[in-house]
Protein backbone atom coordinates (compact mmCIF):
# COMPACT_ATOMS: atom_id res chain seq x y z
CA MET A 1 0.00 0.00 0.00
CA THR A 2 1.49 3.31 -1.03
CA GLU A 3 0.85 6.42 1.01
CA THR A 4 1.16 9.83 -0.51
CA PHE A 5 1.49 12.96 1.52
CA ALA A 6 0.44 16.37 0.38
CA ARG A 7 3.19 18.94 0.39
CA PRO A 8 2.45 21.50 3.11
CA GLN A 9 1.57 24.91 1.78
CA ALA A 10 2.86 28.10 3.36
CA PRO A 11 0.15 30.35 4.71
CA TRP A 12 -0.78 33.07 2.24
CA ALA A 13 0.74 35.78 4.45
CA LEU A 14 4.15 34.10 4.35
CA ARG A 15 4.02 34.03 0.56
CA LEU A 16 3.77 37.84 0.58
CA LEU A 17 7.05 38.26 2.44
CA PRO A 18 10.00 39.20 0.27
CA PRO A 19 12.95 36.78 0.27
CA PHE A 20 15.67 37.07 2.92
CA PRO A 21 18.24 39.51 1.50
CA ALA A 22 21.14 37.71 -0.22
CA ILE A 23 23.80 39.95 1.31
CA ALA A 24 22.51 39.14 4.82
CA SER A 25 22.69 35.42 4.03
CA ARG A 26 26.28 35.80 2.86
CA ILE A 27 27.23 37.80 5.97
CA LEU A 28 25.64 35.16 8.21
CA ALA A 29 27.44 32.35 6.40
CA MET A 30 30.84 34.03 6.56
CA ALA A 31 30.45 35.17 10.18
CA SER A 32 29.45 31.62 11.18
CA GLN A 33 32.73 30.12 10.01
CA GLU A 34 35.12 29.01 12.71
CA GLU A 35 38.01 31.00 11.23
CA VAL A 36 36.68 34.35 10.02
CA ASP A 37 38.84 36.82 8.12
CA ILE A 38 37.60 40.15 9.47
CA ARG A 39 38.87 42.02 6.39
CA GLU A 40 36.85 39.75 4.09
CA LEU A 41 33.81 40.11 6.32
CA SER A 42 34.17 43.89 6.34
CA GLY A 43 34.38 43.85 2.53
CA LEU A 44 31.10 41.98 2.43
CA VAL A 45 29.47 44.30 4.97
CA LYS A 46 30.68 47.27 2.94
CA MET A 47 28.47 46.11 0.06
CA ASP A 48 25.42 47.11 2.12
CA PRO A 49 25.72 50.81 3.05
CA SER A 50 22.77 50.82 5.47
CA PHE A 51 24.09 47.80 7.37
CA SER A 52 27.57 49.36 7.43
CA ALA A 53 26.11 52.52 8.96
CA GLU A 54 24.17 50.52 11.58
CA LEU A 55 27.29 48.58 12.53
CA LEU A 56 29.39 51.73 12.90
CA ARG A 57 26.62 53.42 14.88
CA PHE A 58 26.45 50.43 17.23
CA ALA A 59 30.23 50.29 17.65
CA ASN A 60 30.21 53.98 18.58
CA SER A 61 27.31 53.63 21.03
CA ALA A 62 27.57 54.23 24.76
CA LEU A 63 27.56 50.47 25.27
CA PHE A 64 31.28 50.37 24.44
CA SER A 65 32.26 53.67 26.15
CA LEU A 66 35.06 54.49 23.74
CA ARG A 67 37.16 57.63 23.87
CA ARG A 68 37.65 57.67 20.09
CA GLU A 69 35.22 57.29 17.26
CA VAL A 70 35.32 53.98 15.38
CA THR A 71 35.45 54.80 11.67
CA SER A 72 36.48 51.54 10.00
CA LEU A 73 34.36 48.45 9.57
CA VAL A 74 37.33 46.23 10.43
CA SER A 75 37.63 47.94 13.81
CA ALA A 76 33.87 47.85 14.37
CA ILE A 77 33.65 44.12 13.59
CA GLY A 78 36.65 43.38 15.79
CA MET A 79 35.07 45.31 18.64
CA VAL A 80 31.50 44.01 18.51
CA GLY A 81 32.43 40.45 17.51
CA THR A 82 31.10 38.12 14.86
CA ASP A 83 28.17 36.90 17.01
CA ARG A 84 26.80 40.42 17.24
CA VAL A 85 27.44 40.97 13.53
CA LYS A 86 25.32 37.88 12.80
CA THR A 87 22.58 39.11 15.11
CA MET A 88 22.61 42.57 13.55
CA ALA A 89 22.55 41.16 10.01
CA THR A 90 19.51 39.08 10.91
CA LEU A 91 17.72 42.02 12.54
CA VAL A 92 18.43 44.40 9.66
CA ALA A 93 17.27 41.80 7.11
CA VAL A 94 14.09 40.99 9.01
CA ASN A 95 13.38 44.70 9.43
CA ARG A 96 13.64 45.16 5.67
CA MET A 97 11.42 42.14 5.07
CA VAL A 98 8.78 43.48 7.44
CA ARG A 99 8.86 46.90 5.81
CA GLY A 100 8.51 45.19 2.43
CA SER A 101 5.60 43.07 3.60
CA ARG A 102 3.80 46.15 4.92
CA HIS A 103 3.93 47.57 1.39
CA ALA A 104 2.62 44.27 0.03
CA SER A 105 -0.23 44.15 2.54
CA GLY A 106 -1.06 47.76 1.71
CA ARG A 107 -1.35 46.80 -1.97
CA CYS A 108 -3.71 43.96 -1.02
CA ALA A 109 -5.86 46.28 1.09
CA ARG A 110 -6.06 48.87 -1.70
CA SER A 111 -7.08 46.19 -4.17
CA GLY A 112 -9.92 45.04 -1.91
CA PHE A 113 -8.32 41.67 -1.06
CA THR A 114 -8.80 40.56 2.53
CA ALA A 115 -7.83 37.40 4.37
CA TRP A 116 -11.16 37.12 6.17
């Protein structure tokens, strides 16, 4: 007797979400390696200006109580660590996805489509 299983379908709301940004996926993959070259990672981070700015802003926050301003991504990554870089990359990517899904849900509402 052969059993067949239906492939589970994602809820319609999940299908409206934009894909996880590719640059964030690459940053997460590189930062997750056991031996990370901070210069390579900073080169990858540099490809996303908004993430670069967030990272520098975080490195210069009161949390680290520095006497000098951190101006290079290499220094910022070295200071905050790769775990925090991964966390920040995830948060920035999810924030962008949520903002993108709000626009998508607004388009649905304007077109008269509702989930109920």
